[in-house]
Amino acid sequence: CVPPMTTTTTTMTRWRARRWRAALLLVMLVAFASVVEGVTPAQKRKKRASQSNSLDREIAAKRAECLENVRAAWDGCESADDPSVLENCVLRCSSAACYAKVYGDDALEEGEVDIERGRAFRTCSRDEMRHLRGYQTFGTS
């Protein structure tokens, strides 16, 4: 024997049904948007990481090339004995614009490790490489 439905029970049932339909519609919209876009968020993250890794590899290759060139010719370097002079020359060779922007007239001194400026230089180098490759960058000009 089932008790007759009251007005309150009917209202609650209708409310639950509306809520369920709204949630289902939201899920369908999200699924449709990802199908239309064709790329899942995980794929986007993987692509971004791959681009960043390839940029880092390209920057490392450029740095190695500069190191060889600087050791061979010592172009623009005053001393072959001072490792800080070597480091400054390699940084200047790998990206003169970023070197001027980050280090300017305050070059690294012997034994100095400047983490903040090193990170700023790497970020600048990546942005420069993205610009050269034609990647779209956000938050930079």
C-alpha atoms as a PDB file:
ATOM      1  CA  CYS A   1       0.000   0.000   0.000  1.00  0.00           C
ATOM      2  CA  VAL A   2       1.612   3.250  -1.171  1.00  0.00           C
ATOM      3  CA  PRO A   3       0.611   6.498   0.544  1.00  0.00           C
ATOM      4  CA  PRO A   4      -0.781   9.131  -1.787  1.00  0.00           C
ATOM      5  CA  MET A   5       1.721  11.746  -2.941  1.00  0.00           C
ATOM      6  CA  THR A   6       1.447  15.042  -1.231  1.00  0.00           C
ATOM      7  CA  THR A   7       2.166  18.424  -2.757  1.00  0.00           C
ATOM      8  CA  THR A   8       5.518  18.617  -0.974  1.00  0.00           C
ATOM      9  CA  THR A   9       6.640  15.219  -2.292  1.00  0.00           C
ATOM     10  CA  THR A  10       5.633  16.153  -5.832  1.00  0.00           C
ATOM     11  CA  THR A  11       7.515  19.439  -5.603  1.00  0.00           C
ATOM     12  CA  MET A  12      10.625  17.675  -4.311  1.00  0.00           C
ATOM     13  CA  THR A  13      10.446  15.107  -7.097  1.00  0.00           C
ATOM     14  CA  ARG A  14      10.117  17.815  -9.733  1.00  0.00           C
ATOM     15  CA  TRP A  15      13.023  19.747  -8.187  1.00  0.00           C
ATOM     16  CA  ARG A  16      15.245  16.659  -8.233  1.00  0.00           C
ATOM     17  CA  ALA A  17      14.310  15.932 -11.836  1.00  0.00           C
ATOM     18  CA  ARG A  18      15.161  19.500 -12.886  1.00  0.00           C
ATOM     19  CA  ARG A  19      18.442  19.365 -11.037  1.00  0.00           C
ATOM     20  CA  TRP A  20      19.285  16.022 -12.623  1.00  0.00           C
ATOM     21  CA  ARG A  21      18.475  17.349 -16.112  1.00  0.00           C
ATOM     22  CA  ALA A  22      20.604  20.462 -15.525  1.00  0.00           C
ATOM     23  CA  ALA A  23      23.557  18.345 -14.397  1.00  0.00           C
ATOM     24  CA  LEU A  24      23.135  16.012 -17.357  1.00  0.00           C
ATOM     25  CA  LEU A  25      22.984  18.983 -19.744  1.00  0.00           C
ATOM     26  CA  LEU A  26      26.161  20.422 -18.236  1.00  0.00           C
ATOM     27  CA  VAL A  27      27.995  17.109 -18.645  1.00  0.00           C
ATOM     28  CA  MET A  28      26.804  16.842 -22.244  1.00  0.00           C
ATOM     29  CA  LEU A  29      27.973  20.396 -23.014  1.00  0.00           C
ATOM     30  CA  VAL A  30      31.431  19.726 -21.575  1.00  0.00           C
ATOM     31  CA  ALA A  31      31.693  16.465 -23.519  1.00  0.00           C
ATOM     32  CA  PHE A  32      30.532  18.177 -26.708  1.00  0.00           C
ATOM     33  CA  ALA A  33      33.013  21.025 -26.242  1.00  0.00           C
ATOM     34  CA  SER A  34      35.935  18.615 -25.854  1.00  0.00           C
ATOM     35  CA  VAL A  35      34.806  16.607 -28.903  1.00  0.00           C
ATOM     36  CA  VAL A  36      34.429  19.761 -30.989  1.00  0.00           C
ATOM     37  CA  GLU A  37      37.815  21.005 -29.866  1.00  0.00           C
ATOM     38  CA  GLY A  38      39.328  17.586 -30.522  1.00  0.00           C
ATOM     39  CA  VAL A  39      41.982  17.910 -27.819  1.00  0.00           C
ATOM     40  CA  THR A  40      41.618  16.787 -24.240  1.00  0.00           C
ATOM     41  CA  PRO A  41      43.128  18.811 -21.390  1.00  0.00           C
ATOM     42  CA  ALA A  42      45.677  16.037 -20.834  1.00  0.00           C
ATOM     43  CA  GLN A  43      46.736  16.259 -24.475  1.00  0.00           C
ATOM     44  CA  LYS A  44      47.105  20.038 -24.143  1.00  0.00           C
ATOM     45  CA  ARG A  45      49.355  19.649 -21.085  1.00  0.00           C
ATOM     46  CA  LYS A  46      51.436  17.012 -22.849  1.00  0.00           C
ATOM     47  CA  LYS A  47      51.845  19.212 -25.940  1.00  0.00           C
ATOM     48  CA  ARG A  48      52.841  22.226 -23.820  1.00  0.00           C
ATOM     49  CA  ALA A  49      55.374  20.111 -21.888  1.00  0.00           C
ATOM     50  CA  SER A  50      56.731  18.698 -25.141  1.00  0.00           C
ATOM     51  CA  GLN A  51      57.143  22.186 -26.592  1.00  0.00           C
ATOM     52  CA  SER A  52      58.825  23.378 -23.413  1.00  0.00           C
ATOM     53  CA  ASN A  53      61.138  20.337 -23.379  1.00  0.00           C
ATOM     54  CA  SER A  54      62.028  20.835 -27.028  1.00  0.00           C
ATOM     55  CA  LEU A  55      62.713  24.514 -26.317  1.00  0.00           C
ATOM     56  CA  ASP A  56      64.978  23.548 -23.428  1.00  0.00           C
ATOM     57  CA  ARG A  57      66.806  21.031 -25.631  1.00  0.00           C
ATOM     58  CA  GLU A  58      67.233  23.637 -28.359  1.00  0.00           C
ATOM     59  CA  ILE A  59      68.508  26.205 -25.844  1.00  0.00           C
ATOM     60  CA  ALA A  60      70.928  23.626 -24.392  1.00  0.00           C
ATOM     61  CA  ALA A  61      72.198  22.821 -27.895  1.00  0.00           C
ATOM     62  CA  LYS A  62      72.682  26.538 -28.612  1.00  0.00           C
ATOM     63  CA  ARG A  63      74.548  26.908 -25.313  1.00  0.00           C
ATOM     64  CA  ALA A  64      76.814  23.938 -26.126  1.00  0.00           C
ATOM     65  CA  GLU A  65      77.510  25.398 -29.552  1.00  0.00           C
ATOM     66  CA  CYS A  66      78.351  28.753 -27.982  1.00  0.00           C
ATOM     67  CA  LEU A  67      80.628  27.084 -25.442  1.00  0.00           C
ATOM     68  CA  GLU A  68      82.568  25.402 -28.242  1.00  0.00           C
ATOM     69  CA  ASN A  69      82.782  28.649 -30.233  1.00  0.00           C
ATOM     70  CA  VAL A  70      83.893  30.695 -27.237  1.00  0.00           C
ATOM     71  CA  ARG A  71      86.537  28.145 -26.239  1.00  0.00           C
ATOM     72  CA  ALA A  72      87.819  27.963 -29.808  1.00  0.00           C
ATOM     73  CA  ALA A  73      87.958  31.660 -30.651  1.00  0.00           C
ATOM     74  CA  TRP A  74      87.500  33.585 -27.395  1.00  0.00           C
ATOM     75  CA  ASP A  75      85.566  36.206 -29.318  1.00  0.00           C
ATOM     76  CA  GLY A  76      84.789  39.112 -27.040  1.00  0.00           C
ATOM     77  CA  CYS A  77      86.195  37.392 -23.972  1.00  0.00           C
ATOM     78  CA  GLU A  78      89.035  38.900 -22.019  1.00  0.00           C
ATOM     79  CA  SER A  79      90.408  35.873 -20.192  1.00  0.00           C
ATOM     80  CA  ALA A  80      90.517  32.169 -20.892  1.00  0.00           C
ATOM     81  CA  ASP A  81      91.349  31.370 -17.280  1.00  0.00           C
ATOM     82  CA  ASP A  82      88.376  32.884 -15.478  1.00  0.00           C
ATOM     83  CA  PRO A  83      85.276  30.610 -15.431  1.00  0.00           C
ATOM     84  CA  SER A  84      82.945  33.546 -14.702  1.00  0.00           C
ATOM     85  CA  VAL A  85      84.194  35.342 -17.833  1.00  0.00           C
ATOM     86  CA  LEU A  86      83.612  32.126 -19.790  1.00  0.00           C
ATOM     87  CA  GLU A  87      80.069  31.858 -18.394  1.00  0.00           C
ATOM     88  CA  ASN A  88      79.295  35.482 -19.258  1.00  0.00           C
ATOM     89  CA  CYS A  89      80.603  34.966 -22.800  1.00  0.00           C
ATOM     90  CA  VAL A  90      78.506  31.818 -23.283  1.00  0.00           C
ATOM     91  CA  LEU A  91      75.384  33.548 -21.965  1.00  0.00           C
ATOM     92  CA  ARG A  92      76.009  36.566 -24.206  1.00  0.00           C
ATOM     93  CA  CYS A  93      76.554  34.276 -27.206  1.00  0.00           C
ATOM     94  CA  SER A  94      73.431  32.192 -26.573  1.00  0.00           C
ATOM     95  CA  SER A  95      71.156  35.252 -26.329  1.00  0.00           C
ATOM     96  CA  ALA A  96      72.626  38.727 -26.481  1.00  0.00           C
ATOM     97  CA  ALA A  97      69.233  40.422 -26.020  1.00  0.00           C
ATOM     98  CA  CYS A  98      68.383  38.392 -22.914  1.00  0.00           C
ATOM     99  CA  TYR A  99      71.884  38.865 -21.531  1.00  0.00           C
ATOM    100  CA  ALA A 100      71.555  42.641 -21.892  1.00  0.00           C
ATOM    101  CA  LYS A 101      68.061  42.590 -20.409  1.00  0.00           C
ATOM    102  CA  VAL A 102      68.842  40.389 -17.386  1.00  0.00           C
ATOM    103  CA  TYR A 103      72.501  41.014 -16.611  1.00  0.00           C
ATOM    104  CA  GLY A 104      73.062  44.369 -18.293  1.00  0.00           C
ATOM    105  CA  ASP A 105      76.188  46.005 -16.913  1.00  0.00           C
ATOM    106  CA  ASP A 106      76.199  43.800 -13.790  1.00  0.00           C
ATOM    107  CA  ALA A 107      77.859  40.628 -15.135  1.00  0.00           C
ATOM    108  CA  LEU A 108      78.344  37.529 -13.037  1.00  0.00           C
ATOM    109  CA  GLU A 109      81.410  37.720 -10.848  1.00  0.00           C
ATOM    110  CA  GLU A 110      83.792  34.875 -10.097  1.00  0.00           C
ATOM    111  CA  GLY A 111      82.032  32.224  -8.017  1.00  0.00           C
ATOM    112  CA  GLU A 112      78.703  34.099  -8.064  1.00  0.00           C
ATOM    113  CA  VAL A 113      75.542  32.036  -8.381  1.00  0.00           C
ATOM    114  CA  ASP A 114      72.509  34.224  -8.974  1.00  0.00           C
ATOM    115  CA  ILE A 115      69.473  31.951  -9.093  1.00  0.00           C
ATOM    116  CA  GLU A 116      66.919  34.700  -9.713  1.00  0.00           C
ATOM    117  CA  ARG A 117      68.761  36.200 -12.668  1.00  0.00           C
ATOM    118  CA  GLY A 118      69.503  32.706 -14.008  1.00  0.00           C
ATOM    119  CA  ARG A 119      65.789  31.890 -14.002  1.00  0.00           C
ATOM    120  CA  ALA A 120      64.988  35.242 -15.585  1.00  0.00           C
ATOM    121  CA  PHE A 121      67.562  34.544 -18.310  1.00  0.00           C
ATOM    122  CA  ARG A 122      66.129  31.073 -19.018  1.00  0.00           C
ATOM    123  CA  THR A 123      62.601  32.480 -19.156  1.00  0.00           C
ATOM    124  CA  CYS A 124      63.722  35.235 -21.509  1.00  0.00           C
ATOM    125  CA  SER A 125      65.563  32.702 -23.698  1.00  0.00           C
ATOM    126  CA  ARG A 126      62.489  30.471 -23.900  1.00  0.00           C
ATOM    127  CA  ASP A 127      60.278  33.432 -24.795  1.00  0.00           C
ATOM    128  CA  GLU A 128      62.777  34.521 -27.438  1.00  0.00           C
ATOM    129  CA  MET A 129      62.873  30.985 -28.879  1.00  0.00           C
ATOM    130  CA  ARG A 130      59.060  30.796 -28.901  1.00  0.00           C
ATOM    131  CA  HIS A 131      58.948  34.122 -30.697  1.00  0.00           C
ATOM    132  CA  LEU A 132      61.476  32.906 -33.266  1.00  0.00           C
ATOM    133  CA  ARG A 133      59.497  29.698 -33.787  1.00  0.00           C
ATOM    134  CA  GLY A 134      56.228  31.600 -34.047  1.00  0.00           C
ATOM    135  CA  TYR A 135      54.548  30.141 -30.978  1.00  0.00           C
ATOM    136  CA  GLN A 136      51.843  32.209 -29.353  1.00  0.00           C
ATOM    137  CA  THR A 137      52.907  33.439 -25.935  1.00  0.00           C
ATOM    138  CA  PHE A 138      50.606  34.799 -23.289  1.00  0.00           C
ATOM    139  CA  GLY A 139      51.450  37.515 -20.827  1.00  0.00           C
ATOM    140  CA  THR A 140      54.510  38.692 -22.689  1.00  0.00           C
ATOM    141  CA  SER A 141      54.900  41.408 -25.245  1.00  0.00           C
END
